[in-house]
Amino acid sequence: MKPSNPPVIRLEGLKKSFGLGDAEHFALDGVDLTIEKGEFIAIMGPSGCGKTTLLNILGLLDTNIEGLYEINGKSIKTLSQRRKALIRSNLIGFIFQNFNLIPRLTVLENVALPLTYKGVPMVERLQRASEILSSFHLQEREYYKPHQLSGGQTQRVAIARALVNDPSIILADEPTGNLDSQASHIIMEELADLHRRGNTIIMVTHNPQLTTYASRVITMLDGKIDTDTGEAFTDTPKPIVKTKTKQKRKIKARPYHKKGRRK
């Protein structure tokens, strides 16, 4: 029997700290997480809980960590810096919250930039960049500079750049944070379509409405995973909900009963 493929990402006891001695602070404090190919995961939680730190580590932007991180079955500790750079270039697409577009380049050149690192010929990379900009309704802005765009347009350009490589793993940090409802719908439908095609998507968001696109929702608190619907669905939530409801009704009813209405 052919062995099953390893998970796309596996974390065990992952820790990331800042500071030394008494000032040491754990941004991530013992995270265990397994992500299978094709999952669409939304990560939520209050500011400072470790969401963005986790996303940076998953994207190999920060490898100074404790614990285990495996990507496609290989520990990142055994990978050279060149191999890590190749993984970032070929497998991972980043959607940054602060855009990170290059001001001196046109929109078209910004989107085509990841293809340059892969050695794609100039004509082909510009053509592919133009095609994806068209899907985001930005073809008329191809020769604009980033400072000539609105906030929403800039975010869409950043997302187009992340997707031009056709990455198998997409890491999104608040991908619709600066978009209106119509533009947000375009972005999320594009991500949903990528998910349907088998891509693995990991999205950090503060917007609970966006979790409807996800197949799994994780909440973080104080550098740890607090809840994970991937595990919660194995339980039976209905009795818990009913118990809480009864308890609330009982507390409200006690003063009412003491007035003699209850026999």
Protein backbone atom coordinates (compact mmCIF):
# COMPACT_ATOMS: atom_id res chain seq x y z
CA MET A 1 0.00 0.00 0.00
CA LYS A 2 1.33 3.41 -0.99
CA PRO A 3 2.12 5.57 2.07
CA SER A 4 0.02 8.70 2.49
CA ASN A 5 1.63 12.06 1.84
CA PRO A 6 2.93 13.97 4.87
CA PRO A 7 1.00 17.05 5.99
CA VAL A 8 1.91 20.31 4.30
CA ILE A 9 2.85 21.80 7.68
CA ARG A 10 3.47 20.21 11.06
CA LEU A 11 4.38 22.08 14.24
CA GLU A 12 5.21 20.54 17.60
CA GLY A 13 6.07 22.56 20.68
CA LEU A 14 6.82 25.63 18.58
CA LYS A 15 8.14 28.57 20.59
CA LYS A 16 9.29 32.03 19.65
CA SER A 17 10.59 34.43 22.27
CA PHE A 18 11.74 38.03 22.37
CA GLY A 19 14.02 39.58 24.99
CA LEU A 20 16.35 37.97 27.50
CA GLY A 21 16.21 36.97 31.15
CA ASP A 22 13.42 38.62 33.13
CA ALA A 23 12.39 40.55 30.01
CA GLU A 24 11.87 37.40 27.91
CA HIS A 25 8.43 37.21 26.33
CA PHE A 26 7.03 34.27 24.39
CA ALA A 27 5.12 35.39 21.31
CA LEU A 28 4.47 31.69 20.65
CA ASP A 29 4.47 29.32 23.58
CA GLY A 30 4.24 25.66 22.63
CA VAL A 31 2.12 25.59 19.48
CA ASP A 32 1.10 22.18 18.10
CA LEU A 33 -0.52 22.33 14.67
CA THR A 34 -0.97 20.05 11.65
CA ILE A 35 -2.18 21.46 8.33
CA GLU A 36 -3.14 19.12 5.52
CA LYS A 37 -2.97 19.93 1.82
CA GLY A 38 -5.98 21.87 0.58
CA GLU A 39 -7.17 23.30 3.90
CA PHE A 40 -8.43 26.88 4.16
CA ILE A 41 -7.57 27.99 7.68
CA ALA A 42 -8.62 31.27 9.28
CA ILE A 43 -6.62 32.33 12.33
CA MET A 44 -8.26 34.77 14.73
CA GLY A 45 -7.47 36.27 18.12
CA PRO A 46 -6.78 39.59 19.88
CA SER A 47 -3.84 41.81 18.97
CA GLY A 48 -0.58 40.49 20.36
CA CYS A 49 -1.74 36.87 20.60
CA GLY A 50 0.91 35.63 18.12
CA LYS A 51 -1.06 35.38 14.85
CA THR A 52 1.32 37.39 12.67
CA THR A 53 4.39 35.86 14.33
CA LEU A 54 3.05 32.42 13.47
CA LEU A 55 2.39 33.48 9.88
CA ASN A 56 5.95 34.83 9.50
CA ILE A 57 7.39 31.57 10.79
CA LEU A 58 5.21 29.49 8.47
CA GLY A 59 6.50 31.61 5.58
CA LEU A 60 10.14 31.02 6.60
CA LEU A 61 10.61 34.73 7.20
CA ASP A 62 11.67 33.95 10.78
CA THR A 63 13.47 30.68 11.52
CA ASN A 64 14.97 31.54 14.91
CA ILE A 65 12.58 29.26 16.79
CA GLU A 66 12.38 26.41 19.28
CA GLY A 67 10.49 23.21 18.59
CA LEU A 68 9.64 21.35 15.39
CA TYR A 69 8.56 22.85 12.08
CA GLU A 70 8.19 20.49 9.15
CA ILE A 71 7.08 21.53 5.67
CA ASN A 72 6.11 18.68 3.33
CA GLY A 73 7.70 16.27 5.80
CA LYS A 74 11.10 17.99 6.04
CA SER A 75 12.32 19.85 9.08
CA ILE A 76 13.36 23.41 8.32
CA LYS A 77 16.36 22.93 10.63
CA THR A 78 17.92 20.65 8.02
CA LEU A 79 17.36 23.07 5.14
CA SER A 80 20.03 25.44 3.85
CA GLN A 81 19.29 29.14 3.43
CA ARG A 82 19.24 28.61 -0.34
CA ARG A 83 16.68 25.82 0.00
CA LYS A 84 14.50 27.98 2.25
CA ALA A 85 14.65 30.78 -0.33
CA LEU A 86 13.58 28.35 -3.06
CA ILE A 87 10.62 27.20 -0.97
CA ARG A 88 9.54 30.81 -0.41
CA SER A 89 9.88 31.51 -4.12
CA ASN A 90 8.21 28.38 -5.50
CA LEU A 91 5.71 27.18 -2.90
CA ILE A 92 4.58 30.17 -0.84
CA GLY A 93 2.66 33.29 -1.79
CA PHE A 94 2.59 36.15 0.71
CA ILE A 95 -0.17 38.72 1.11
CA PHE A 96 1.23 41.32 3.48
CA GLN A 97 -0.88 43.68 5.54
CA ASN A 98 1.37 46.65 4.66
CA PHE A 99 1.53 45.82 0.91
CA ASN A 100 5.38 46.02 0.50
CA LEU A 101 5.16 47.24 -3.09
CA ILE A 102 8.29 48.83 -4.62
CA PRO A 103 7.53 52.54 -5.21
CA ARG A 104 9.76 53.00 -8.27
CA LEU A 105 8.20 50.09 -10.19
CA THR A 106 4.91 50.15 -12.07
CA VAL A 107 1.98 47.99 -10.97
CA LEU A 108 2.77 45.53 -13.77
CA GLU A 109 6.44 45.31 -12.78
CA ASN A 110 5.57 44.83 -9.10
CA VAL A 111 3.27 41.91 -9.89
CA ALA A 112 5.81 40.34 -12.27
CA LEU A 113 8.66 40.60 -9.74
CA PRO A 114 8.30 37.09 -8.18
CA LEU A 115 8.58 35.58 -11.67
CA THR A 116 11.89 37.39 -12.13
CA TYR A 117 13.36 35.43 -9.21
CA LYS A 118 12.27 32.19 -10.91
CA GLY A 119 14.03 33.08 -14.15
CA VAL A 120 10.86 33.47 -16.26
CA PRO A 121 11.58 35.41 -19.51
CA MET A 122 10.52 39.04 -19.45
CA VAL A 123 7.76 38.85 -22.07
CA GLU A 124 6.18 35.84 -20.38
CA ARG A 125 6.29 37.29 -16.88
CA LEU A 126 4.74 40.56 -18.01
CA GLN A 127 2.02 38.66 -19.84
CA ARG A 128 1.22 36.53 -16.77
CA ALA A 129 1.23 39.60 -14.55
CA SER A 130 -1.16 41.37 -16.93
CA GLU A 131 -3.53 38.37 -16.94
CA ILE A 132 -3.82 38.21 -13.15
CA LEU A 133 -4.25 41.98 -12.90
CA SER A 134 -7.14 41.67 -15.32
CA SER A 135 -8.81 39.10 -13.04
CA PHE A 136 -8.67 41.68 -10.24
CA HIS A 137 -10.10 44.42 -12.51
CA LEU A 138 -6.80 46.34 -12.49
CA GLN A 139 -5.74 46.07 -16.13
CA GLU A 140 -6.26 49.82 -16.62
CA ARG A 141 -3.78 50.51 -13.77
CA GLU A 142 -0.89 48.42 -15.12
CA TYR A 143 1.42 51.39 -15.75
CA TYR A 144 0.54 53.35 -12.62
CA LYS A 145 2.98 53.67 -9.75
CA PRO A 146 1.88 52.49 -6.28
CA HIS A 147 1.46 56.06 -4.98
CA GLN A 148 -1.15 56.69 -7.70
CA LEU A 149 -3.46 53.96 -6.40
CA SER A 150 -6.12 53.98 -3.71
CA GLY A 151 -5.65 51.83 -0.62
CA GLY A 152 -7.98 49.17 -1.94
CA GLN A 153 -6.27 49.09 -5.33
CA THR A 154 -2.87 48.79 -3.66
CA GLN A 155 -4.06 45.82 -1.63
CA ARG A 156 -5.40 44.11 -4.74
CA VAL A 157 -2.07 44.62 -6.50
CA ALA A 158 -0.28 43.06 -3.51
CA ILE A 159 -2.62 40.06 -3.67
CA ALA A 160 -2.13 39.70 -7.42
CA ARG A 161 1.64 39.68 -6.87
CA ALA A 162 1.26 36.92 -4.26
CA LEU A 163 -0.73 34.76 -6.66
CA VAL A 164 1.23 35.27 -9.89
CA ASN A 165 3.58 32.39 -9.01
CA ASP A 166 0.63 30.00 -8.63
CA PRO A 167 1.86 29.00 -5.14
CA SER A 168 0.56 25.88 -3.40
CA ILE A 169 0.58 27.63 0.02
CA ILE A 170 -0.88 31.12 0.43
CA LEU A 171 -0.24 33.09 3.62
CA ALA A 172 -2.54 36.09 3.99
CA ASP A 173 -2.28 38.69 6.75
CA GLU A 174 -5.58 40.63 6.83
CA PRO A 175 -6.04 40.35 3.03
CA THR A 176 -9.15 42.58 2.97
CA GLY A 177 -8.17 44.98 5.73
CA ASN A 178 -8.18 48.06 3.47
CA LEU A 179 -10.90 47.09 1.03
CA ASP A 180 -14.54 48.05 0.67
CA SER A 181 -17.19 45.33 0.65
CA GLN A 182 -17.21 44.89 -3.14
CA ALA A 183 -13.42 44.62 -3.41
CA SER A 184 -13.34 42.31 -0.38
CA HIS A 185 -15.82 40.03 -2.10
CA ILE A 186 -13.60 39.86 -5.21
CA ILE A 187 -10.54 38.97 -3.13
CA MET A 188 -12.27 36.34 -1.03
CA GLU A 189 -13.90 34.73 -4.04
CA GLU A 190 -10.47 34.51 -5.66
CA LEU A 191 -9.05 32.86 -2.54
CA ALA A 192 -12.06 30.53 -2.37
CA ASP A 193 -11.48 29.53 -6.00
CA LEU A 194 -7.81 28.79 -5.24
CA HIS A 195 -8.96 26.67 -2.32
CA ARG A 196 -11.33 24.72 -4.56
CA ARG A 197 -8.39 24.05 -6.89
CA GLY A 198 -6.44 22.42 -4.05
CA ASN A 199 -4.31 25.25 -2.68
CA THR A 200 -3.60 25.49 1.03
CA ILE A 201 -4.59 28.88 2.43
CA ILE A 202 -3.73 30.24 5.88
CA MET A 203 -5.35 33.59 6.60
CA VAL A 204 -5.05 35.86 9.61
CA THR A 205 -8.11 38.06 10.08
CA HIS A 206 -10.02 40.11 12.64
CA ASN A 207 -13.21 39.93 10.60
CA PRO A 208 -15.42 37.02 11.75
CA GLN A 209 -17.48 37.26 8.54
CA LEU A 210 -14.49 36.05 6.51
CA THR A 211 -14.35 32.79 8.46
CA THR A 212 -17.33 31.58 6.42
CA TYR A 213 -14.88 31.01 3.56
CA ALA A 214 -12.63 28.84 5.71
CA SER A 215 -12.81 25.09 6.21
CA ARG A 216 -11.23 25.43 9.65
CA VAL A 217 -11.04 28.25 12.19
CA ILE A 218 -8.32 28.58 14.81
CA THR A 219 -8.31 31.15 17.61
CA MET A 220 -5.14 32.09 19.45
CA LEU A 221 -4.64 33.53 22.92
CA ASP A 222 -1.38 34.44 24.68
CA GLY A 223 0.82 32.70 22.15
CA LYS A 224 -1.13 29.44 22.18
CA ILE A 225 -3.95 27.84 20.23
CA ASP A 226 -7.09 28.38 22.25
CA THR A 227 -9.70 26.72 20.01
CA ASP A 228 -9.54 24.77 16.76
CA THR A 229 -12.68 23.75 14.87
CA GLY A 230 -10.68 20.98 13.25
CA GLU A 231 -10.73 19.30 16.66
CA ALA A 232 -14.00 20.73 17.98
CA PHE A 233 -16.12 18.96 15.37
CA THR A 234 -15.16 15.62 16.92
CA ASP A 235 -17.05 16.61 20.08
CA THR A 236 -20.78 17.01 20.66
CA PRO A 237 -21.45 20.73 21.06
CA LYS A 238 -25.23 20.61 21.54
CA PRO A 239 -25.30 19.47 25.18
CA ILE A 240 -22.82 22.23 26.06
CA VAL A 241 -25.02 24.87 24.47
CA LYS A 242 -28.14 23.58 26.24
CA THR A 243 -26.40 23.48 29.61
CA LYS A 244 -25.30 27.10 29.25
CA THR A 245 -28.80 28.16 28.23
CA LYS A 246 -30.42 26.43 31.19
CA GLN A 247 -27.94 27.95 33.58
CA LYS A 248 -28.70 31.45 32.33
CA ARG A 249 -32.45 30.91 32.65
CA LYS A 250 -32.13 29.55 36.17
CA ILE A 251 -30.11 32.56 37.34
CA LYS A 252 -32.67 34.96 35.89
CA ALA A 253 -35.61 33.06 37.37
CA ARG A 254 -34.46 32.80 41.01
CA PRO A 255 -35.63 36.28 42.17
CA TYR A 256 -38.90 35.73 40.32
CA HIS A 257 -39.54 32.42 42.14
CA LYS A 258 -38.85 33.94 45.56
CA LYS A 259 -41.81 36.25 45.13
CA GLY A 260 -44.18 33.33 45.55
CA ARG A 261 -44.92 32.45 41.94
CA ARG A 262 -43.25 29.08 42.35
CA LYS A 263 -45.03 26.45 44.45
